[in-house]
N, C-alpha and C. Protein backbone atom coordinates (compact mmCIF):
# COMPACT_ATOMS: atom_id res chain seq x y z
N MET A 1 0.98 -1.32 -0.35
CA MET A 1 -0.20 -0.07 0.04
C MET A 1 0.80 1.26 0.15
N GLY A 2 1.55 1.61 1.16
CA GLY A 2 2.51 2.34 1.23
C GLY A 2 1.88 3.89 1.08
N GLU A 3 0.55 4.28 0.68
CA GLU A 3 0.31 5.76 0.26
C GLU A 3 -0.01 6.25 1.69
N TYR A 4 -0.14 7.20 1.85
CA TYR A 4 -0.58 8.18 2.80
C TYR A 4 -1.89 8.62 2.59
N LEU A 5 -2.65 8.71 3.94
CA LEU A 5 -3.84 8.92 3.85
C LEU A 5 -4.11 10.18 4.61
N THR A 6 -5.32 11.22 4.38
CA THR A 6 -5.89 12.31 4.97
C THR A 6 -6.11 11.88 5.99
N ILE A 7 -6.21 12.42 7.37
CA ILE A 7 -6.77 12.24 8.57
C ILE A 7 -8.25 12.20 8.78
N ASN A 8 -9.05 12.53 7.60
CA ASN A 8 -10.47 11.97 7.21
C ASN A 8 -10.53 10.45 6.79
N GLU A 9 -9.51 10.29 5.69
CA GLU A 9 -9.52 8.99 4.96
C GLU A 9 -9.29 8.45 6.27
N ALA A 10 -8.49 8.36 6.84
CA ALA A 10 -7.89 7.44 8.24
C ALA A 10 -9.22 7.18 9.00
N LEU A 11 -10.22 8.11 9.62
CA LEU A 11 -11.05 8.01 10.22
C LEU A 11 -12.16 7.17 9.72
N VAL A 12 -12.45 7.20 8.13
CA VAL A 12 -13.33 6.47 8.00
C VAL A 12 -13.08 5.30 7.87
N ILE A 13 -11.60 4.98 7.37
CA ILE A 13 -11.24 3.37 7.45
C ILE A 13 -11.40 2.82 8.89
N LEU A 14 -10.83 3.79 10.17
CA LEU A 14 -10.75 3.16 11.05
C LEU A 14 -12.16 2.96 11.97
N ASN A 15 -13.77 3.73 11.40
CA ASN A 15 -15.11 3.47 11.79
C ASN A 15 -15.38 2.06 10.52
N THR A 16 -15.06 1.63 9.48
CA THR A 16 -15.18 0.83 8.68
C THR A 16 -14.22 -0.60 9.75
N LEU A 17 -13.11 -0.17 10.02
CA LEU A 17 -12.33 -1.49 10.74
C LEU A 17 -13.64 -1.79 12.01
N ARG A 18 -13.74 -0.85 12.75
CA ARG A 18 -14.56 -1.19 13.98
C ARG A 18 -15.71 -1.80 13.75
N GLU A 19 -16.46 -1.49 12.67
CA GLU A 19 -18.03 -1.53 12.26
C GLU A 19 -17.58 -3.57 12.03
N ARG A 20 -16.66 -3.63 11.38
CA ARG A 20 -16.04 -5.03 10.59
C ARG A 20 -15.95 -6.05 11.70
N HIS A 21 -14.99 -5.33 12.61
CA HIS A 21 -14.64 -6.13 13.90
C HIS A 21 -16.05 -6.28 14.74
N LYS A 22 -16.87 -5.52 15.00
CA LYS A 22 -18.02 -5.73 15.38
C LYS A 22 -19.26 -6.75 15.34
N GLU A 23 -19.02 -7.03 13.97
CA GLU A 23 -19.80 -7.75 12.82
C GLU A 23 -19.19 -9.22 13.14
N LEU A 24 -17.83 -9.32 13.57
CA LEU A 24 -17.35 -10.68 13.50
C LEU A 24 -17.04 -10.95 14.72
N ALA A 25 -17.33 -10.04 15.79
CA ALA A 25 -17.91 -10.95 16.98
C ALA A 25 -19.42 -11.09 17.43
N ASP A 26 -19.89 -10.65 16.77
CA ASP A 26 -21.67 -11.04 16.74
C ASP A 26 -21.59 -12.36 16.13
N LEU A 27 -20.89 -12.58 14.96
CA LEU A 27 -20.79 -14.11 14.32
C LEU A 27 -20.51 -14.65 15.19
N ARG A 28 -19.22 -14.52 15.64
CA ARG A 28 -18.60 -15.49 16.60
C ARG A 28 -19.62 -15.86 17.65
N ASP A 29 -20.36 -14.82 18.44
CA ASP A 29 -20.89 -14.97 19.55
C ASP A 29 -22.09 -15.89 19.27
N THR A 30 -22.67 -15.97 17.55
CA THR A 30 -23.68 -16.26 17.67
C THR A 30 -23.47 -17.59 16.40
N ASN A 31 -22.53 -17.98 16.50
CA ASN A 31 -22.11 -19.23 15.40
C ASN A 31 -22.44 -20.65 15.96
N ARG A 32 -23.51 -20.86 16.18
CA ARG A 32 -24.07 -22.20 16.33
C ARG A 32 -25.01 -22.67 15.12
N ASN A 33 -25.30 -23.77 15.04
CA ASN A 33 -26.38 -24.50 13.98
C ASN A 33 -26.85 -25.64 14.96
N ALA A 34 -27.84 -25.72 15.82
CA ALA A 34 -28.60 -26.79 16.36
C ALA A 34 -28.88 -27.49 15.37
N ARG A 35 -28.86 -29.11 15.47
CA ARG A 35 -29.40 -30.13 14.92
C ARG A 35 -30.14 -31.01 16.27
N VAL A 36 -31.02 -31.47 15.60
CA VAL A 36 -31.71 -31.88 16.40
C VAL A 36 -31.61 -33.95 16.24
N TYR A 37 -31.28 -34.62 17.29
CA TYR A 37 -31.00 -36.12 17.01
C TYR A 37 -32.53 -36.88 18.02
N GLY A 38 -32.88 -38.01 17.48
CA GLY A 38 -33.98 -38.51 18.16
C GLY A 38 -35.38 -38.64 17.58
N ILE A 39 -36.26 -39.39 18.37
CA ILE A 39 -37.61 -39.25 18.14
C ILE A 39 -38.42 -38.71 19.22
N ARG A 40 -39.05 -38.00 19.62
CA ARG A 40 -40.61 -37.38 20.36
C ARG A 40 -39.20 -37.17 21.55
N THR A 41 -39.58 -37.59 22.68
CA THR A 41 -38.90 -36.96 23.76
C THR A 41 -37.46 -37.32 24.16
N ASP A 42 -36.98 -38.21 23.16
CA ASP A 42 -35.49 -38.63 23.56
C ASP A 42 -34.75 -37.49 22.61
N LYS A 43 -34.94 -36.45 22.49
CA LYS A 43 -33.95 -35.29 21.47
C LYS A 43 -32.59 -34.93 22.34
N GLU A 44 -31.93 -35.06 21.05
CA GLU A 44 -30.72 -34.48 21.52
C GLU A 44 -30.39 -33.28 20.83
N TYR A 45 -29.89 -32.11 21.66
CA TYR A 45 -29.47 -30.69 20.57
C TYR A 45 -28.13 -30.88 20.89
N VAL A 46 -27.69 -30.78 19.34
CA VAL A 46 -25.75 -30.73 19.14
C VAL A 46 -25.69 -29.62 18.66
N GLU A 47 -25.11 -28.82 19.09
CA GLU A 47 -24.79 -27.41 18.30
C GLU A 47 -23.47 -27.81 17.75
N GLN A 48 -23.58 -27.34 16.64
CA GLN A 48 -22.11 -27.30 15.78
C GLN A 48 -21.87 -26.05 15.40
N PRO A 49 -20.79 -25.56 15.30
CA PRO A 49 -19.91 -23.81 14.82
C PRO A 49 -20.13 -24.13 13.15
N THR A 50 -21.44 -23.15 12.74
CA THR A 50 -21.16 -22.64 11.37
C THR A 50 -19.77 -22.60 10.39
N TYR A 51 -19.24 -21.40 10.99
CA TYR A 51 -17.86 -20.96 11.01
C TYR A 51 -16.96 -21.60 11.45
N ASP A 52 -15.47 -21.58 10.83
CA ASP A 52 -14.58 -21.87 12.13
C ASP A 52 -14.02 -20.85 12.94
N VAL A 53 -14.34 -20.99 14.64
CA VAL A 53 -13.96 -19.99 15.37
C VAL A 53 -12.72 -19.72 15.28
N LYS A 54 -11.81 -20.30 14.91
CA LYS A 54 -10.31 -19.96 14.89
C LYS A 54 -9.91 -18.91 13.88
N GLN A 55 -10.85 -18.97 12.65
CA GLN A 55 -10.65 -18.10 11.75
C GLN A 55 -11.12 -17.13 11.94
N ILE A 56 -12.10 -16.95 12.93
CA ILE A 56 -13.09 -15.51 12.90
C ILE A 56 -12.23 -14.87 14.16
N ASP A 57 -11.47 -15.59 15.23
CA ASP A 57 -10.62 -15.16 16.10
C ASP A 57 -8.78 -14.29 15.27
N LYS A 58 -8.65 -15.32 14.64
CA LYS A 58 -7.47 -14.70 13.85
C LYS A 58 -8.06 -13.29 12.93
N MET A 59 -8.97 -13.52 12.23
CA MET A 59 -9.03 -11.85 11.67
C MET A 59 -9.71 -11.02 12.79
N MET A 60 -9.99 -11.69 13.49
CA MET A 60 -10.67 -10.21 14.86
C MET A 60 -9.18 -9.32 15.12
N ALA A 61 -8.29 -10.80 15.67
CA ALA A 61 -7.07 -9.96 15.90
C ALA A 61 -6.33 -9.37 14.93
N ALA A 62 -6.57 -9.47 13.58
CA ALA A 62 -5.91 -8.71 12.39
C ALA A 62 -6.68 -7.56 12.59
N LEU A 63 -7.91 -7.37 12.88
CA LEU A 63 -8.40 -5.92 12.84
C LEU A 63 -8.05 -5.42 13.86
N SER A 64 -8.10 -5.89 14.90
CA SER A 64 -7.57 -4.80 16.27
C SER A 64 -6.28 -4.73 15.69
N LYS A 65 -5.30 -5.19 15.38
CA LYS A 65 -4.11 -4.67 15.26
C LYS A 65 -4.06 -3.74 14.20
N GLU A 66 -4.90 -3.61 13.23
CA GLU A 66 -5.14 -2.59 12.38
C GLU A 66 -5.92 -1.09 12.87
N ILE A 67 -6.47 -1.22 13.87
CA ILE A 67 -7.48 -0.52 14.33
C ILE A 67 -6.37 0.04 15.35
N ARG A 68 -5.60 0.13 16.13
CA ARG A 68 -4.32 -0.05 17.14
C ARG A 68 -3.32 1.00 16.42
N LYS A 69 -3.14 0.51 15.18
CA LYS A 69 -1.90 1.01 14.28
C LYS A 69 -2.49 2.25 13.67
N ILE A 70 -3.92 2.12 13.10
CA ILE A 70 -4.23 3.39 12.75
C ILE A 70 -4.76 4.72 13.72
N ASP A 71 -5.44 4.17 14.55
CA ASP A 71 -5.84 4.85 15.37
C ASP A 71 -4.38 5.82 16.17
N ALA A 72 -3.43 4.94 16.55
CA ALA A 72 -2.29 5.91 16.86
C ALA A 72 -1.16 6.90 15.59
N ALA A 73 -1.98 6.39 14.43
CA ALA A 73 -1.28 7.46 13.53
C ALA A 73 -2.08 8.61 13.23
N ILE A 74 -3.60 8.27 13.42
CA ILE A 74 -4.18 9.53 13.81
C ILE A 74 -3.85 10.26 15.01
N LYS A 75 -3.78 9.82 15.85
CA LYS A 75 -2.98 10.71 17.45
C LYS A 75 -1.94 11.42 16.97
N GLN A 76 -1.12 10.92 16.45
CA GLN A 76 0.56 11.25 16.05
C GLN A 76 -0.25 12.16 14.73
N ALA A 77 -0.77 12.22 14.15
CA ALA A 77 -1.26 13.18 13.43
C ALA A 77 -1.53 14.61 14.02
N ASN A 78 -2.57 14.16 14.40
CA ASN A 78 -3.19 15.43 15.67
C ASN A 78 -2.55 16.30 16.16
N ALA A 79 -1.45 15.71 16.95
CA ALA A 79 -0.31 15.82 17.98
C ALA A 79 0.48 17.20 16.96
N ASN A 80 0.63 16.47 15.99
CA ASN A 80 1.64 17.30 14.70
C ASN A 80 0.96 18.70 14.22
N THR A 81 -0.27 18.11 13.86
CA THR A 81 -0.82 19.20 13.23
C THR A 81 -1.67 20.23 13.87
N LYS A 82 -1.40 21.89 13.38
CA LYS A 82 -1.88 23.13 13.95
C LYS A 82 -3.20 23.51 12.95
N VAL A 83 -4.17 24.06 13.85
CA VAL A 83 -5.14 24.26 13.32
C VAL A 83 -5.26 25.85 13.00
N ASP A 84 -5.27 26.18 11.54
CA ASP A 84 -5.42 27.52 11.27
C ASP A 84 -6.82 28.64 11.43
N HIS A 85 -6.63 28.67 13.12
CA HIS A 85 -7.42 29.45 13.90
C HIS A 85 -7.37 29.67 14.89
N VAL A 86 -7.81 31.28 14.95
CA VAL A 86 -7.64 31.84 16.65
C VAL A 86 -8.53 31.95 17.36
N PHE A 87 -8.51 31.27 18.56
CA PHE A 87 -9.90 31.11 19.59
C PHE A 87 -10.02 32.50 19.89
N ASP A 88 -11.39 32.88 20.02
CA ASP A 88 -11.70 34.00 20.54
C ASP A 88 -12.08 33.40 22.36
N GLU A 89 -11.43 33.94 23.44
CA GLU A 89 -11.80 33.34 24.67
C GLU A 89 -12.90 34.14 25.34
N THR A 90 -13.35 34.98 24.46
CA THR A 90 -14.78 35.59 25.00
C THR A 90 -16.09 35.28 25.11
N VAL A 91 -15.97 34.22 24.05
CA VAL A 91 -17.14 33.30 23.94
C VAL A 91 -17.60 32.79 25.14
N LEU A 92 -16.56 32.29 26.03
CA LEU A 92 -16.77 31.72 27.42
C LEU A 92 -17.24 32.63 28.50
N ASP A 93 -16.96 34.12 28.23
CA ASP A 93 -17.11 34.68 29.43
C ASP A 93 -18.53 34.47 30.13
N ALA A 94 -18.58 35.25 30.86
CA ALA A 94 -20.09 34.90 31.74
C ALA A 94 -20.90 35.94 31.15
N ILE A 95 -22.23 35.64 31.77
CA ILE A 95 -23.43 36.72 31.42
C ILE A 95 -23.45 37.51 32.01
N GLU A 96 -23.58 38.78 31.72
CA GLU A 96 -23.75 39.92 32.32
C GLU A 96 -24.92 40.46 32.90
């Protein structure tokens, strides 16, 4: 990749990564497919994962790592970037 991102682009990507991470966490938590074995009262419920839990965890770990890296880069950029604005402290004055 190697391209530089604007802060806005990085924030959009960060938001997308967080949403994907949440989707995978929800998928992992609801990753069961129940099957019923037996006749009438002698039923046995067996839940089997629909997706490979280890693969989901691996993807979540990679997303978490990328989220941390982008978040750190955004914070570093914000620390180094000056805003072209003169703050007027009189807007915070008490009402007379």
